[in-house]
PDB file of N, CA and C in Angstrom:
ATOM      1  N   MET A   1    -125.032  90.554  -9.937  1.00  0.00           N
ATOM      2  CA  MET A   1    -126.101  89.718 -10.463  1.00  0.00           C
ATOM      3  C   MET A   1    -127.095  89.373  -9.369  1.00  0.00           C
ATOM      4  N   VAL A   2    -126.608  89.125  -8.171  1.00  0.00           N
ATOM      5  CA  VAL A   2    -127.506  88.761  -7.081  1.00  0.00           C
ATOM      6  C   VAL A   2    -128.426  89.927  -6.748  1.00  0.00           C
ATOM      7  N   LEU A   3    -127.880  91.145  -6.773  1.00  0.00           N
ATOM      8  CA  LEU A   3    -128.712  92.314  -6.494  1.00  0.00           C
ATOM      9  C   LEU A   3    -129.799  92.477  -7.547  1.00  0.00           C
ATOM     10  N   ARG A   4    -129.452  92.227  -8.780  1.00  0.00           N
ATOM     11  CA  ARG A   4    -130.459  92.337  -9.847  1.00  0.00           C
ATOM     12  C   ARG A   4    -131.476  91.210  -9.761  1.00  0.00           C
ATOM     13  N   GLU A   5    -131.016  90.013  -9.456  1.00  0.00           N
ATOM     14  CA  GLU A   5    -131.922  88.873  -9.351  1.00  0.00           C
ATOM     15  C   GLU A   5    -132.949  89.062  -8.252  1.00  0.00           C
ATOM     16  N   CYS A   6    -132.493  89.597  -7.133  1.00  0.00           N
ATOM     17  CA  CYS A   6    -133.379  89.773  -5.980  1.00  0.00           C
ATOM     18  C   CYS A   6    -134.119  91.102  -6.003  1.00  0.00           C
ATOM     19  N   HIS A   7    -133.871  91.921  -7.026  1.00  0.00           N
ATOM     20  CA  HIS A   7    -134.481  93.252  -7.119  1.00  0.00           C
ATOM     21  C   HIS A   7    -134.226  94.060  -5.853  1.00  0.00           C
ATOM     22  N   ALA A   8    -132.977  94.021  -5.389  1.00  0.00           N
ATOM     23  CA  ALA A   8    -132.614  94.709  -4.154  1.00  0.00           C
ATOM     24  C   ALA A   8    -132.519  96.205  -4.407  1.00  0.00           C
ATOM     25  N   ARG A   9    -133.113  96.975  -3.522  1.00  0.00           N
ATOM     26  CA  ARG A   9    -133.086  98.428  -3.585  1.00  0.00           C
ATOM     27  C   ARG A   9    -132.792  98.949  -2.194  1.00  0.00           C
ATOM     28  N   GLY A  10    -132.074 100.060  -2.134  1.00  0.00           N
ATOM     29  CA  GLY A  10    -131.809 100.669  -0.852  1.00  0.00           C
ATOM     30  C   GLY A  10    -130.396 101.200  -0.755  1.00  0.00           C
ATOM     31  N   PRO A  11    -130.088 101.814   0.378  1.00  0.00           N
ATOM     32  CA  PRO A  11    -128.768 102.433   0.519  1.00  0.00           C
ATOM     33  C   PRO A  11    -127.621 101.425   0.553  1.00  0.00           C
ATOM     34  N   LEU A  12    -127.828 100.276   1.133  1.00  0.00           N
ATOM     35  CA  LEU A  12    -126.760  99.276   1.189  1.00  0.00           C
ATOM     36  C   LEU A  12    -126.421  98.746  -0.200  1.00  0.00           C
ATOM     37  N   SER A  13    -127.415  98.438  -0.995  1.00  0.00           N
ATOM     38  CA  SER A  13    -127.150  97.923  -2.336  1.00  0.00           C
ATOM     39  C   SER A  13    -126.546  99.012  -3.219  1.00  0.00           C
ATOM     40  N   ASP A  14    -126.951 100.277  -3.041  1.00  0.00           N
ATOM     41  CA  ASP A  14    -126.339 101.370  -3.804  1.00  0.00           C
ATOM     42  C   ASP A  14    -124.866 101.535  -3.436  1.00  0.00           C
ATOM     43  N   MET A  15    -124.558 101.467  -2.143  1.00  0.00           N
ATOM     44  CA  MET A  15    -123.178 101.600  -1.702  1.00  0.00           C
ATOM     45  C   MET A  15    -122.348 100.418  -2.179  1.00  0.00           C
ATOM     46  N   LEU A  16    -122.917  99.237  -2.153  1.00  0.00           N
ATOM     47  CA  LEU A  16    -122.210  98.043  -2.603  1.00  0.00           C
ATOM     48  C   LEU A  16    -121.873  98.136  -4.088  1.00  0.00           C
ATOM     49  N   MET A  17    -122.795  98.621  -4.894  1.00  0.00           N
ATOM     50  CA  MET A  17    -122.528  98.777  -6.325  1.00  0.00           C
ATOM     51  C   MET A  17    -121.437  99.813  -6.570  1.00  0.00           C
ATOM     52  N   SER A  18    -121.413 100.877  -5.779  1.00  0.00           N
ATOM     53  CA  SER A  18    -120.367 101.896  -5.913  1.00  0.00           C
ATOM     54  C   SER A  18    -119.005 101.333  -5.542  1.00  0.00           C
ATOM     55  N   ILE A  19    -118.938 100.574  -4.471  1.00  0.00           N
ATOM     56  CA  ILE A  19    -117.679  99.974  -4.038  1.00  0.00           C
ATOM     57  C   ILE A  19    -117.162  98.988  -5.080  1.00  0.00           C
ATOM     58  N   ILE A  20    -118.048  98.217  -5.662  1.00  0.00           N
ATOM     59  CA  ILE A  20    -117.653  97.258  -6.694  1.00  0.00           C
ATOM     60  C   ILE A  20    -117.139  97.984  -7.927  1.00  0.00           C
ATOM     61  N   ALA A  21    -117.763  99.095  -8.294  1.00  0.00           N
ATOM     62  CA  ALA A  21    -117.309  99.866  -9.457  1.00  0.00           C
ATOM     63  C   ALA A  21    -115.915 100.438  -9.224  1.00  0.00           C
ATOM     64  N   VAL A  22    -115.673 100.999  -8.041  1.00  0.00           N
ATOM     65  CA  VAL A  22    -114.353 101.552  -7.729  1.00  0.00           C
ATOM     66  C   VAL A  22    -113.311 100.438  -7.691  1.00  0.00           C
ATOM     67  N   ASN A  23    -113.672  99.291  -7.169  1.00  0.00           N
ATOM     68  CA  ASN A  23    -112.757  98.147  -7.128  1.00  0.00           C
ATOM     69  C   ASN A  23    -112.389  97.698  -8.543  1.00  0.00           C
ATOM     70  N   ASN A  24    -113.355  97.626  -9.429  1.00  0.00           N
ATOM     71  CA  ASN A  24    -113.076  97.212 -10.808  1.00  0.00           C
ATOM     72  C   ASN A  24    -112.167  98.212 -11.512  1.00  0.00           C
ATOM     73  N   ILE A  25    -112.401  99.504 -11.314  1.00  0.00           N
ATOM     74  CA  ILE A  25    -111.553 100.519 -11.931  1.00  0.00           C
ATOM     75  C   ILE A  25    -110.133 100.416 -11.393  1.00  0.00           C
ATOM     76  N   GLY A  26    -110.002 100.224 -10.090  1.00  0.00           N
ATOM     77  CA  GLY A  26    -108.675 100.066  -9.489  1.00  0.00           C
ATOM     78  C   GLY A  26    -107.944  98.855 -10.036  1.00  0.00           C
ATOM     79  N   CYS A  27    -108.646  97.756 -10.202  1.00  0.00           N
ATOM     80  CA  CYS A  27    -108.019  96.539 -10.742  1.00  0.00           C
ATOM     81  C   CYS A  27    -107.559  96.741 -12.176  1.00  0.00           C
ATOM     82  N   ILE A  28    -108.337  97.437 -12.982  1.00  0.00           N
ATOM     83  CA  ILE A  28    -107.949  97.703 -14.372  1.00  0.00           C
ATOM     84  C   ILE A  28    -106.700  98.569 -14.415  1.00  0.00           C
ATOM     85  N   ILE A  29    -106.632  99.588 -13.557  1.00  0.00           N
ATOM     86  CA  ILE A  29    -105.474 100.475 -13.531  1.00  0.00           C
ATOM     87  C   ILE A  29    -104.224  99.718 -13.084  1.00  0.00           C
ATOM     88  N   VAL A  30    -104.339  98.923 -12.027  1.00  0.00           N
ATOM     89  CA  VAL A  30    -103.177  98.172 -11.528  1.00  0.00           C
ATOM     90  C   VAL A  30    -102.721  97.151 -12.563  1.00  0.00           C
ATOM     91  N   PHE A  31    -103.645  96.485 -13.218  1.00  0.00           N
ATOM     92  CA  PHE A  31    -103.287  95.521 -14.255  1.00  0.00           C
ATOM     93  C   PHE A  31    -102.547  96.213 -15.390  1.00  0.00           C
ATOM     94  N   SER A  32    -103.011  97.373 -15.809  1.00  0.00           N
ATOM     95  CA  SER A  32    -102.349  98.104 -16.889  1.00  0.00           C
ATOM     96  C   SER A  32    -100.946  98.545 -16.485  1.00  0.00           C
ATOM     97  N   LEU A  33    -100.779  98.993 -15.239  1.00  0.00           N
ATOM     98  CA  LEU A  33     -99.459  99.401 -14.768  1.00  0.00           C
ATOM     99  C   LEU A  33     -98.487  98.226 -14.731  1.00  0.00           C
ATOM    100  N   VAL A  34     -98.952  97.091 -14.256  1.00  0.00           N
ATOM    101  CA  VAL A  34     -98.092  95.909 -14.194  1.00  0.00           C
ATOM    102  C   VAL A  34     -97.749  95.417 -15.603  1.00  0.00           C
ATOM    103  N   ALA A  35     -98.710  95.441 -16.510  1.00  0.00           N
ATOM    104  CA  ALA A  35     -98.437  95.025 -17.884  1.00  0.00           C
ATOM    105  C   ALA A  35     -97.417  95.948 -18.539  1.00  0.00           C
ATOM    106  N   SER A  36     -97.503  97.247 -18.271  1.00  0.00           N
ATOM    107  CA  SER A  36     -96.523  98.182 -18.819  1.00  0.00           C
ATOM    108  C   SER A  36     -95.146  97.950 -18.224  1.00  0.00           C
ATOM    109  N   ALA A  37     -95.086  97.665 -16.940  1.00  0.00           N
ATOM    110  CA  ALA A  37     -93.797  97.383 -16.302  1.00  0.00           C
ATOM    111  C   ALA A  37     -93.169  96.125 -16.881  1.00  0.00           C
ATOM    112  N   ILE A  38     -93.972  95.123 -17.148  1.00  0.00           N
ATOM    113  CA  ILE A  38     -93.457  93.887 -17.750  1.00  0.00           C
ATOM    114  C   ILE A  38     -92.959  94.159 -19.161  1.00  0.00           C
ATOM    115  N   ASP A  39     -93.721  94.937 -19.952  1.00  0.00           N
ATOM    116  CA  ASP A  39     -93.268  95.293 -21.295  1.00  0.00           C
ATOM    117  C   ASP A  39     -91.971  96.079 -21.250  1.00  0.00           C
ATOM    118  N   LEU A  40     -91.860  96.983 -20.287  1.00  0.00           N
ATOM    119  CA  LEU A  40     -90.660  97.811 -20.179  1.00  0.00           C
ATOM    120  C   LEU A  40     -89.440  96.971 -19.841  1.00  0.00           C
ATOM    121  N   THR A  41     -89.569  96.060 -18.897  1.00  0.00           N
ATOM    122  CA  THR A  41     -88.423  95.231 -18.520  1.00  0.00           C
ATOM    123  C   THR A  41     -88.101  94.189 -19.580  1.00  0.00           C
ATOM    124  N   ALA A  42     -89.098  93.714 -20.310  1.00  0.00           N
ATOM    125  CA  ALA A  42     -88.845  92.701 -21.335  1.00  0.00           C
ATOM    126  C   ALA A  42     -88.137  93.287 -22.547  1.00  0.00           C
ATOM    127  N   SER A  43     -88.414  94.554 -22.857  1.00  0.00           N
ATOM    128  CA  SER A  43     -87.812  95.133 -24.051  1.00  0.00           C
ATOM    129  C   SER A  43     -86.651  96.058 -23.741  1.00  0.00           C
ATOM    130  N   TRP A  44     -86.178  96.069 -22.521  1.00  0.00           N
ATOM    131  CA  TRP A  44     -85.068  96.940 -22.121  1.00  0.00           C
ATOM    132  C   TRP A  44     -83.781  96.426 -22.736  1.00  0.00           C
ATOM    133  N   SER A  45     -83.119  97.301 -23.483  1.00  0.00           N
ATOM    134  CA  SER A  45     -81.861  96.882 -24.110  1.00  0.00           C
ATOM    135  C   SER A  45     -80.729  97.856 -23.815  1.00  0.00           C
ATOM    136  N   GLY A  46     -80.894  98.705 -22.835  1.00  0.00           N
ATOM    137  CA  GLY A  46     -79.843  99.650 -22.461  1.00  0.00           C
ATOM    138  C   GLY A  46     -80.318 101.083 -22.600  1.00  0.00           C
ATOM    139  N   PHE A  47     -79.454 101.992 -22.191  1.00  0.00           N
ATOM    140  CA  PHE A  47     -79.826 103.395 -22.176  1.00  0.00           C
ATOM    141  C   PHE A  47     -79.879 104.021 -23.565  1.00  0.00           C
ATOM    142  N   GLY A  48     -79.265 103.398 -24.543  1.00  0.00           N
ATOM    143  CA  GLY A  48     -79.290 103.932 -25.896  1.00  0.00           C
ATOM    144  C   GLY A  48     -80.669 103.907 -26.514  1.00  0.00           C
ATOM    145  N   GLN A  49     -81.474 102.970 -26.125  1.00  0.00           N
ATOM    146  CA  GLN A  49     -82.823 102.819 -26.654  1.00  0.00           C
ATOM    147  C   GLN A  49     -83.886 103.186 -25.628  1.00  0.00           C
ATOM    148  N   LEU A  50     -83.590 104.150 -24.767  1.00  0.00           N
ATOM    149  CA  LEU A  50     -84.496 104.475 -23.664  1.00  0.00           C
ATOM    150  C   LEU A  50     -85.817 105.061 -24.147  1.00  0.00           C
ATOM    151  N   LEU A  51     -85.783 106.074 -25.007  1.00  0.00           N
ATOM    152  CA  LEU A  51     -87.014 106.726 -25.435  1.00  0.00           C
ATOM    153  C   LEU A  51     -87.930 105.810 -26.243  1.00  0.00           C
ATOM    154  N   PRO A  52     -87.436 105.071 -27.226  1.00  0.00           N
ATOM    155  CA  PRO A  52     -88.343 104.150 -27.933  1.00  0.00           C
ATOM    156  C   PRO A  52     -88.909 103.064 -27.024  1.00  0.00           C
ATOM    157  N   THR A  53     -88.096 102.597 -26.093  1.00  0.00           N
ATOM    158  CA  THR A  53     -88.566 101.571 -25.170  1.00  0.00           C
ATOM    159  C   THR A  53     -89.645 102.114 -24.258  1.00  0.00           C
ATOM    160  N   LEU A  54     -89.442 103.324 -23.726  1.00  0.00           N
ATOM    161  CA  LEU A  54     -90.463 103.945 -22.885  1.00  0.00           C
ATOM    162  C   LEU A  54     -91.745 104.187 -23.665  1.00  0.00           C
ATOM    163  N   PHE A  55     -91.619 104.658 -24.890  1.00  0.00           N
ATOM    164  CA  PHE A  55     -92.806 104.900 -25.703  1.00  0.00           C
ATOM    165  C   PHE A  55     -93.569 103.605 -25.959  1.00  0.00           C
ATOM    166  N   ASP A  56     -92.848 102.554 -26.305  1.00  0.00           N
ATOM    167  CA  ASP A  56     -93.500 101.267 -26.581  1.00  0.00           C
ATOM    168  C   ASP A  56     -94.185 100.689 -25.355  1.00  0.00           C
ATOM    169  N   ALA A  57     -93.662 100.977 -24.168  1.00  0.00           N
ATOM    170  CA  ALA A  57     -94.239 100.433 -22.942  1.00  0.00           C
ATOM    171  C   ALA A  57     -95.355 101.311 -22.395  1.00  0.00           C
ATOM    172  N   LEU A  58     -95.217 102.621 -22.515  1.00  0.00           N
ATOM    173  CA  LEU A  58     -96.174 103.520 -21.875  1.00  0.00           C
ATOM    174  C   LEU A  58     -97.336 103.939 -22.778  1.00  0.00           C
ATOM    175  N   PHE A  59     -97.156 103.915 -24.081  1.00  0.00           N
ATOM    176  CA  PHE A  59     -98.250 104.306 -24.963  1.00  0.00           C
ATOM    177  C   PHE A  59     -99.488 103.420 -24.798  1.00  0.00           C
ATOM    178  N   PRO A  60     -99.361 102.090 -24.758  1.00  0.00           N
ATOM    179  CA  PRO A  60    -100.565 101.280 -24.526  1.00  0.00           C
ATOM    180  C   PRO A  60    -101.227 101.569 -23.177  1.00  0.00           C
ATOM    181  N   LEU A  61    -100.422 101.864 -22.157  1.00  0.00           N
ATOM    182  CA  LEU A  61    -100.979 102.193 -20.846  1.00  0.00           C
ATOM    183  C   LEU A  61    -101.828 103.452 -20.934  1.00  0.00           C
ATOM    184  N   VAL A  62    -101.285 104.483 -21.516  1.00  0.00           N
ATOM    185  CA  VAL A  62    -102.027 105.746 -21.639  1.00  0.00           C
ATOM    186  C   VAL A  62    -103.249 105.551 -22.523  1.00  0.00           C
ATOM    187  N   TRP A  63    -103.110 104.794 -23.585  1.00  0.00           N
ATOM    188  CA  TRP A  63    -104.223 104.551 -24.501  1.00  0.00           C
ATOM    189  C   TRP A  63    -105.373 103.821 -23.785  1.00  0.00           C
ATOM    190  N   GLN A  64    -105.045 102.844 -22.947  1.00  0.00           N
ATOM    191  CA  GLN A  64    -106.079 102.094 -22.239  1.00  0.00           C
ATOM    192  C   GLN A  64    -106.757 102.936 -21.162  1.00  0.00           C
ATOM    193  N   LEU A  65    -105.977 103.744 -20.446  1.00  0.00           N
ATOM    194  CA  LEU A  65    -106.539 104.516 -19.352  1.00  0.00           C
ATOM    195  C   LEU A  65    -107.327 105.730 -19.834  1.00  0.00           C
ATOM    196  N   VAL A  66    -106.823 106.405 -20.846  1.00  0.00           N
ATOM    197  CA  VAL A  66    -107.487 107.617 -21.325  1.00  0.00           C
ATOM    198  C   VAL A  66    -108.475 107.317 -22.439  1.00  0.00           C
ATOM    199  N   GLY A  67    -108.072 106.426 -23.329  1.00  0.00           N
ATOM    200  CA  GLY A  67    -108.917 106.125 -24.483  1.00  0.00           C
ATOM    201  C   GLY A  67    -110.087 105.306 -24.113  1.00  0.00           C
TER     202      GLY A  67
END
């Protein structure tokens, strides 16, 4: 917002916007991974239910990252 408010142009502001974009993407990915890990551990009921549990935990992760 500050860059837009000040109408900043140049290589530093371009690099700063790129770094912020990569940081935001990284945060979204890490948040999704942690949320999936929490879902996996919360719904873990033993090895008998491994595939449904993995599907329930990993499908939202894949959906958020790819979709």
